[in-house]
Amino acid sequence: MALIDDIEFYGSRVDAGDIDRAQAAQLLAQASGGGLTVLGAEQAIDTWKGQRARGEQMLADVVDTLRALDNGRPVPEHVRQNMRSRAREDCLRMIRRISREDS
């Protein structure tokens, strides 16, 4: 099973209340074969609904960037915009996590 499939499986099980987040993170970290730490697994579970789409978008951006660079062009503007958008989402996610931990 691909890692993204495991992320979606454990994330959906946590959302459904079938398993608690800590246990799911442990299991996901183990299933990843060293690809994720427990903290990384927790973060993946927290954002599981958008993981596949984000991965596909990032792959498309890498392809577009390599194609542009191979042709002597700068990084495409849509890739720059996507990078800024992902950075903003990551910052907001961190702020929400810190807010939850302080509560």
Protein backbone atom coordinates (compact mmCIF):
# COMPACT_ATOMS: atom_id res chain seq x y z
CA MET A 1 0.00 0.00 0.00
CA ALA A 2 1.34 3.44 -0.88
CA LEU A 3 2.07 5.89 1.92
CA ILE A 4 -0.71 8.23 0.81
CA ASP A 5 -3.16 5.32 1.08
CA ASP A 6 -1.98 4.67 4.66
CA ILE A 7 -2.32 8.37 5.52
CA GLU A 8 -5.88 8.43 4.20
CA PHE A 9 -6.73 5.18 5.98
CA TYR A 10 -5.50 6.27 9.41
CA GLY A 11 -6.76 9.82 9.01
CA SER A 12 -10.25 8.65 8.13
CA ARG A 13 -10.24 6.17 11.03
CA VAL A 14 -9.29 8.96 13.46
CA ASP A 15 -12.03 11.20 12.06
CA ALA A 16 -14.56 8.37 12.40
CA GLY A 17 -13.52 7.82 16.02
CA ASP A 18 -12.38 4.24 15.38
CA ILE A 19 -8.87 4.88 16.70
CA ASP A 20 -7.26 7.68 18.68
CA ARG A 21 -4.79 10.05 17.07
CA ALA A 22 -1.75 8.94 19.10
CA GLN A 23 -2.25 5.27 18.28
CA ALA A 24 -2.91 6.04 14.61
CA ALA A 25 0.28 8.13 14.44
CA GLN A 26 2.33 5.28 15.92
CA LEU A 27 0.87 2.81 13.43
CA LEU A 28 1.34 5.17 10.49
CA ALA A 29 4.95 5.89 11.45
CA GLN A 30 5.61 2.14 11.60
CA ALA A 31 3.81 1.50 8.30
CA SER A 32 5.87 4.21 6.59
CA GLY A 33 9.05 2.15 6.99
CA GLY A 34 11.03 5.10 8.29
CA GLY A 35 9.46 7.64 5.96
CA LEU A 36 7.62 9.40 8.78
CA THR A 37 8.42 10.10 12.40
CA VAL A 38 5.55 9.95 14.88
CA LEU A 39 5.35 13.76 14.72
CA GLY A 40 5.29 13.64 10.93
CA ALA A 41 2.60 10.97 11.07
CA GLU A 42 0.51 13.16 13.42
CA GLN A 43 0.81 16.05 10.99
CA ALA A 44 -0.13 13.84 8.05
CA ILE A 45 -3.17 12.53 9.93
CA ASP A 46 -4.24 16.07 10.81
CA THR A 47 -4.23 17.05 7.14
CA TRP A 48 -5.10 13.74 5.52
CA LYS A 49 -8.02 15.02 3.46
CA GLY A 50 -5.80 17.23 1.32
CA GLN A 51 -2.61 15.17 1.23
CA ARG A 52 -3.17 13.43 -2.11
CA ALA A 53 -4.16 16.64 -3.93
CA ARG A 54 -1.21 18.56 -2.44
CA GLY A 55 1.18 15.81 -3.51
CA GLU A 56 -0.19 15.77 -7.04
CA GLN A 57 0.04 19.57 -7.25
CA MET A 58 3.61 19.56 -5.99
CA LEU A 59 4.58 16.91 -8.54
CA ALA A 60 3.02 18.95 -11.34
CA ASP A 61 4.89 22.04 -10.12
CA VAL A 62 8.19 20.13 -10.11
CA VAL A 63 7.59 18.95 -13.68
CA ASP A 64 6.69 22.48 -14.83
CA THR A 65 9.74 23.95 -13.08
CA LEU A 66 12.15 21.40 -14.55
CA ARG A 67 10.68 21.92 -18.00
CA ALA A 68 11.09 25.69 -17.69
CA LEU A 69 14.65 25.45 -16.37
CA ASP A 70 15.62 22.97 -19.08
CA ASN A 71 14.45 25.57 -21.62
CA GLY A 72 16.35 28.41 -19.96
CA ARG A 73 13.23 30.03 -18.53
CA PRO A 74 12.55 31.13 -14.95
CA VAL A 75 10.32 29.25 -12.55
CA PRO A 76 6.75 29.73 -13.85
CA GLU A 77 4.63 32.27 -11.99
CA HIS A 78 1.89 29.72 -11.22
CA VAL A 79 4.50 27.57 -9.47
CA ARG A 80 5.65 30.55 -7.40
CA GLN A 81 2.03 31.29 -6.48
CA ASN A 82 1.45 27.67 -5.49
CA MET A 83 4.59 27.73 -3.33
CA ARG A 84 3.42 30.89 -1.55
CA SER A 85 -0.02 29.39 -1.04
CA ARG A 86 1.44 26.18 0.45
CA ALA A 87 3.73 28.20 2.73
CA ARG A 88 0.77 30.26 3.94
CA GLU A 89 -1.29 27.12 4.60
CA ASP A 90 1.61 25.59 6.53
CA CYS A 91 1.96 28.71 8.68
CA LEU A 92 -1.75 28.81 9.44
CA ARG A 93 -1.71 25.11 10.30
CA MET A 94 1.17 25.68 12.73
CA ILE A 95 -0.64 28.60 14.36
CA ARG A 96 -3.79 26.50 14.82
CA ARG A 97 -1.75 23.64 16.30
CA ILE A 98 -0.03 25.97 18.76
CA SER A 99 -3.40 27.47 19.70
CA ARG A 100 -4.83 23.99 20.39
CA GLU A 101 -1.82 23.06 22.51
CA ASP A 102 -2.14 26.27 24.56
CA SER A 103 -5.84 25.58 25.26
